[in-house]
C-alpha atoms as a PDB file:
ATOM      1  CA  UNK A   1     -11.207   1.074  -3.775  1.00  0.00           C
ATOM      2  CA  UNK A   2     -10.657   4.796  -3.420  1.00  0.00           C
ATOM      3  CA  UNK A   3      -9.292   5.345   0.094  1.00  0.00           C
ATOM      4  CA  UNK A   4      -7.015   2.777   1.670  1.00  0.00           C
ATOM      5  CA  UNK A   5      -3.693   2.227   3.355  1.00  0.00           C
ATOM      6  CA  UNK A   6      -1.596  -0.724   2.215  1.00  0.00           C
ATOM      7  CA  UNK A   7       1.241  -1.659   4.573  1.00  0.00           C
ATOM      8  CA  UNK A   8       4.007  -3.699   2.960  1.00  0.00           C
ATOM      9  CA  UNK A   9       6.148  -5.673   5.384  1.00  0.00           C
ATOM     10  CA  UNK A  10       9.818  -4.795   4.823  1.00  0.00           C
ATOM     11  CA  UNK A  11      10.898  -7.710   7.000  1.00  0.00           C
ATOM     12  CA  UNK A  12       9.286 -10.112   4.529  1.00  0.00           C
ATOM     13  CA  UNK A  13      11.012  -8.258   1.703  1.00  0.00           C
ATOM     14  CA  UNK A  14      14.414  -9.020   3.242  1.00  0.00           C
ATOM     15  CA  UNK A  15      13.731 -12.731   2.969  1.00  0.00           C
ATOM     16  CA  UNK A  16      14.126 -14.381  -0.428  1.00  0.00           C
ATOM     17  CA  UNK A  17      12.239 -12.206  -2.886  1.00  0.00           C
ATOM     18  CA  UNK A  18       9.759 -14.892  -3.830  1.00  0.00           C
ATOM     19  CA  UNK A  19       8.843 -18.439  -3.025  1.00  0.00           C
ATOM     20  CA  UNK A  20       7.890 -21.632  -4.753  1.00  0.00           C
ATOM     21  CA  UNK A  21       6.988 -24.820  -2.942  1.00  0.00           C
ATOM     22  CA  UNK A  22       7.237 -28.221  -4.600  1.00  0.00           C
ATOM     23  CA  UNK A  23       5.229 -31.341  -3.721  1.00  0.00           C
ATOM     24  CA  UNK A  24       7.777 -32.250  -1.029  1.00  0.00           C
ATOM     25  CA  UNK A  25       7.419 -28.879   0.690  1.00  0.00           C
ATOM     26  CA  UNK A  26      10.808 -27.575  -0.455  1.00  0.00           C
ATOM     27  CA  UNK A  27      10.748 -23.779  -0.733  1.00  0.00           C
ATOM     28  CA  UNK A  28      12.870 -22.109  -3.388  1.00  0.00           C
ATOM     29  CA  UNK A  29      13.332 -18.429  -4.173  1.00  0.00           C
ATOM     30  CA  UNK A  30      11.741 -16.867  -7.238  1.00  0.00           C
ATOM     31  CA  UNK A  31      13.523 -13.680  -8.321  1.00  0.00           C
ATOM     32  CA  UNK A  32      11.868 -10.295  -8.242  1.00  0.00           C
ATOM     33  CA  UNK A  33       8.466 -10.899  -6.615  1.00  0.00           C
ATOM     34  CA  UNK A  34       8.936  -8.103  -4.046  1.00  0.00           C
ATOM     35  CA  UNK A  35       9.941  -5.622  -6.748  1.00  0.00           C
ATOM     36  CA  UNK A  36       6.865  -6.553  -8.800  1.00  0.00           C
ATOM     37  CA  UNK A  37       4.686  -6.231  -5.683  1.00  0.00           C
ATOM     38  CA  UNK A  38       6.032  -2.760  -4.857  1.00  0.00           C
ATOM     39  CA  UNK A  39       5.525  -1.516  -8.420  1.00  0.00           C
ATOM     40  CA  UNK A  40       2.018  -3.001  -8.549  1.00  0.00           C
ATOM     41  CA  UNK A  41       1.049  -1.398  -5.240  1.00  0.00           C
ATOM     42  CA  UNK A  42       2.509   1.954  -6.328  1.00  0.00           C
ATOM     43  CA  UNK A  43       0.463   1.852  -9.539  1.00  0.00           C
ATOM     44  CA  UNK A  44      -2.769   1.133  -7.646  1.00  0.00           C
ATOM     45  CA  UNK A  45      -2.029   3.954  -5.186  1.00  0.00           C
ATOM     46  CA  UNK A  46      -1.350   6.388  -8.061  1.00  0.00           C
ATOM     47  CA  UNK A  47      -4.670   5.468  -9.669  1.00  0.00           C
ATOM     48  CA  UNK A  48      -6.674   5.786  -6.444  1.00  0.00           C
ATOM     49  CA  UNK A  49      -8.105   8.978  -5.051  1.00  0.00           C
ATOM     50  CA  UNK A  50      -6.850   8.461  -1.507  1.00  0.00           C
ATOM     51  CA  UNK A  51      -4.596   5.423  -1.467  1.00  0.00           C
ATOM     52  CA  UNK A  52      -1.391   5.277   0.529  1.00  0.00           C
ATOM     53  CA  UNK A  53       1.456   2.770   0.504  1.00  0.00           C
ATOM     54  CA  UNK A  54       3.479   2.347   3.682  1.00  0.00           C
ATOM     55  CA  UNK A  55       6.563   0.187   4.159  1.00  0.00           C
ATOM     56  CA  UNK A  56       7.167  -0.861   7.732  1.00  0.00           C
ATOM     57  CA  UNK A  57       8.907  -3.412   9.854  1.00  0.00           C
ATOM     58  CA  UNK A  58       6.967  -6.557  10.651  1.00  0.00           C
ATOM     59  CA  UNK A  59       3.505  -5.422  11.794  1.00  0.00           C
ATOM     60  CA  UNK A  60       2.591  -8.912  13.029  1.00  0.00           C
ATOM     61  CA  UNK A  61       5.637  -9.750  15.133  1.00  0.00           C
ATOM     62  CA  UNK A  62       8.238 -12.474  14.679  1.00  0.00           C
ATOM     63  CA  UNK A  63       6.391 -15.157  16.726  1.00  0.00           C
ATOM     64  CA  UNK A  64       3.290 -14.827  14.521  1.00  0.00           C
ATOM     65  CA  UNK A  65       5.251 -14.794  11.261  1.00  0.00           C
ATOM     66  CA  UNK A  66       7.289 -17.824  12.289  1.00  0.00           C
ATOM     67  CA  UNK A  67       4.059 -19.897  12.286  1.00  0.00           C
ATOM     68  CA  UNK A  68       2.899 -18.991   8.780  1.00  0.00           C
ATOM     69  CA  UNK A  69       3.936 -19.984   5.259  1.00  0.00           C
ATOM     70  CA  UNK A  70       6.841 -17.922   3.908  1.00  0.00           C
ATOM     71  CA  UNK A  71       5.922 -15.095   1.571  1.00  0.00           C
ATOM     72  CA  UNK A  72       5.366 -11.366   1.345  1.00  0.00           C
ATOM     73  CA  UNK A  73       2.640  -9.800   3.483  1.00  0.00           C
ATOM     74  CA  UNK A  74       0.451  -6.745   2.930  1.00  0.00           C
ATOM     75  CA  UNK A  75      -2.044  -5.338   5.426  1.00  0.00           C
ATOM     76  CA  UNK A  76      -4.887  -3.285   3.939  1.00  0.00           C
ATOM     77  CA  UNK A  77      -7.372  -0.987   5.635  1.00  0.00           C
ATOM     78  CA  UNK A  78      -9.936   1.182   3.880  1.00  0.00           C
ATOM     79  CA  UNK A  79     -10.246   4.774   5.015  1.00  0.00           C
ATOM     80  CA  UNK A  80     -12.222   7.886   4.243  1.00  0.00           C
ATOM     81  CA  UNK A  81     -10.900  10.997   2.506  1.00  0.00           C
ATOM     82  CA  UNK A  82      -9.524  12.276   5.832  1.00  0.00           C
ATOM     83  CA  UNK A  83      -7.514   9.033   6.316  1.00  0.00           C
ATOM     84  CA  UNK A  84      -9.798   7.751   9.116  1.00  0.00           C
ATOM     85  CA  UNK A  85     -10.159   3.940   9.104  1.00  0.00           C
ATOM     86  CA  UNK A  86     -13.586   2.673   8.038  1.00  0.00           C
ATOM     87  CA  UNK A  87     -12.961  -1.081   8.086  1.00  0.00           C
ATOM     88  CA  UNK A  88     -10.927  -3.683   9.944  1.00  0.00           C
ATOM     89  CA  UNK A  89      -7.399  -4.452   8.759  1.00  0.00           C
ATOM     90  CA  UNK A  90      -7.241  -7.218   6.172  1.00  0.00           C
ATOM     91  CA  UNK A  91      -4.138  -9.393   6.030  1.00  0.00           C
ATOM     92  CA  UNK A  92      -3.175 -10.362   2.474  1.00  0.00           C
ATOM     93  CA  UNK A  93      -0.646 -13.053   1.785  1.00  0.00           C
ATOM     94  CA  UNK A  94       1.599 -14.768   1.663  1.00  0.00           C
ATOM     95  CA  UNK A  95       2.289 -13.278  -1.772  1.00  0.00           C
ATOM     96  CA  UNK A  96       4.645 -15.766  -3.404  1.00  0.00           C
ATOM     97  CA  UNK A  97       4.447 -15.220  -7.164  1.00  0.00           C
ATOM     98  CA  UNK A  98       3.770 -12.630  -9.845  1.00  0.00           C
ATOM     99  CA  UNK A  99       0.309 -14.235 -10.277  1.00  0.00           C
ATOM    100  CA  UNK A 100      -0.323 -13.453  -6.594  1.00  0.00           C
ATOM    101  CA  UNK A 101       0.782  -9.846  -7.183  1.00  0.00           C
ATOM    102  CA  UNK A 102      -1.692  -9.532 -10.050  1.00  0.00           C
ATOM    103  CA  UNK A 103      -4.486 -10.932  -7.854  1.00  0.00           C
ATOM    104  CA  UNK A 104      -3.695  -8.469  -5.045  1.00  0.00           C
ATOM    105  CA  UNK A 105      -3.519  -5.428  -7.326  1.00  0.00           C
ATOM    106  CA  UNK A 106      -6.772  -6.377  -9.113  1.00  0.00           C
ATOM    107  CA  UNK A 107      -8.415  -6.796  -5.699  1.00  0.00           C
ATOM    108  CA  UNK A 108      -7.217  -3.353  -4.566  1.00  0.00           C
ATOM    109  CA  UNK A 109      -8.596  -1.806  -7.747  1.00  0.00           C
ATOM    110  CA  UNK A 110     -12.065  -3.156  -6.896  1.00  0.00           C
ATOM    111  CA  UNK A 111     -14.855  -1.287  -5.156  1.00  0.00           C
ATOM    112  CA  UNK A 112     -14.642  -2.689  -1.631  1.00  0.00           C
ATOM    113  CA  UNK A 113     -12.039  -4.700   0.266  1.00  0.00           C
ATOM    114  CA  UNK A 114     -13.912  -7.967   0.617  1.00  0.00           C
ATOM    115  CA  UNK A 115     -11.389 -10.609   1.716  1.00  0.00           C
ATOM    116  CA  UNK A 116     -13.586 -13.273   0.120  1.00  0.00           C
ATOM    117  CA  UNK A 117     -12.838 -11.689  -3.276  1.00  0.00           C
ATOM    118  CA  UNK A 118      -9.187 -12.715  -2.866  1.00  0.00           C
ATOM    119  CA  UNK A 119      -8.018 -16.178  -3.899  1.00  0.00           C
ATOM    120  CA  UNK A 120      -8.249 -18.487  -0.861  1.00  0.00           C
ATOM    121  CA  UNK A 121      -4.474 -18.854  -0.524  1.00  0.00           C
ATOM    122  CA  UNK A 122      -4.113 -15.055  -0.132  1.00  0.00           C
ATOM    123  CA  UNK A 123      -6.707 -14.701   2.634  1.00  0.00           C
ATOM    124  CA  UNK A 124      -4.423 -14.329   5.590  1.00  0.00           C
ATOM    125  CA  UNK A 125      -6.014 -15.539   8.795  1.00  0.00           C
ATOM    126  CA  UNK A 126      -3.450 -14.512  11.369  1.00  0.00           C
ATOM    127  CA  UNK A 127      -4.525 -14.020  14.939  1.00  0.00           C
ATOM    128  CA  UNK A 128      -2.249 -12.025  17.175  1.00  0.00           C
ATOM    129  CA  UNK A 129      -1.081 -13.687  20.347  1.00  0.00           C
ATOM    130  CA  UNK A 130      -2.936 -12.481  23.432  1.00  0.00           C
ATOM    131  CA  UNK A 131      -1.241  -9.708  25.352  1.00  0.00           C
ATOM    132  CA  UNK A 132       0.284 -10.909  28.565  1.00  0.00           C
ATOM    133  CA  UNK A 133       0.130  -8.597  31.481  1.00  0.00           C
END
């Protein structure tokens, strides 16, 4: 993918740096997954013609994140050479292991951001809560 913006959630990065879940549902930290994710995303951005990596606070909001599996989140949107969006935002995650990082970076290096090309456990289906007025 040539032009894209990848938004890495810094709030997720402040949680344990990785996650592993056993058969009983116990979550344990795996060291260094966020660092590997950042370096992988930086490498993909360097190799792309118009890629950009952004680190932000939680783009989904605490209520939404509280309902999902723990792990690192990345939002991806393709754009043209003038940085105008050309596709919907794709939620990727939760990224919980170095194997997940490899899957995400390989996906970003592909031609088009098809969420179905991601492993099923990385296809983030998060719906925002409706705005209350």
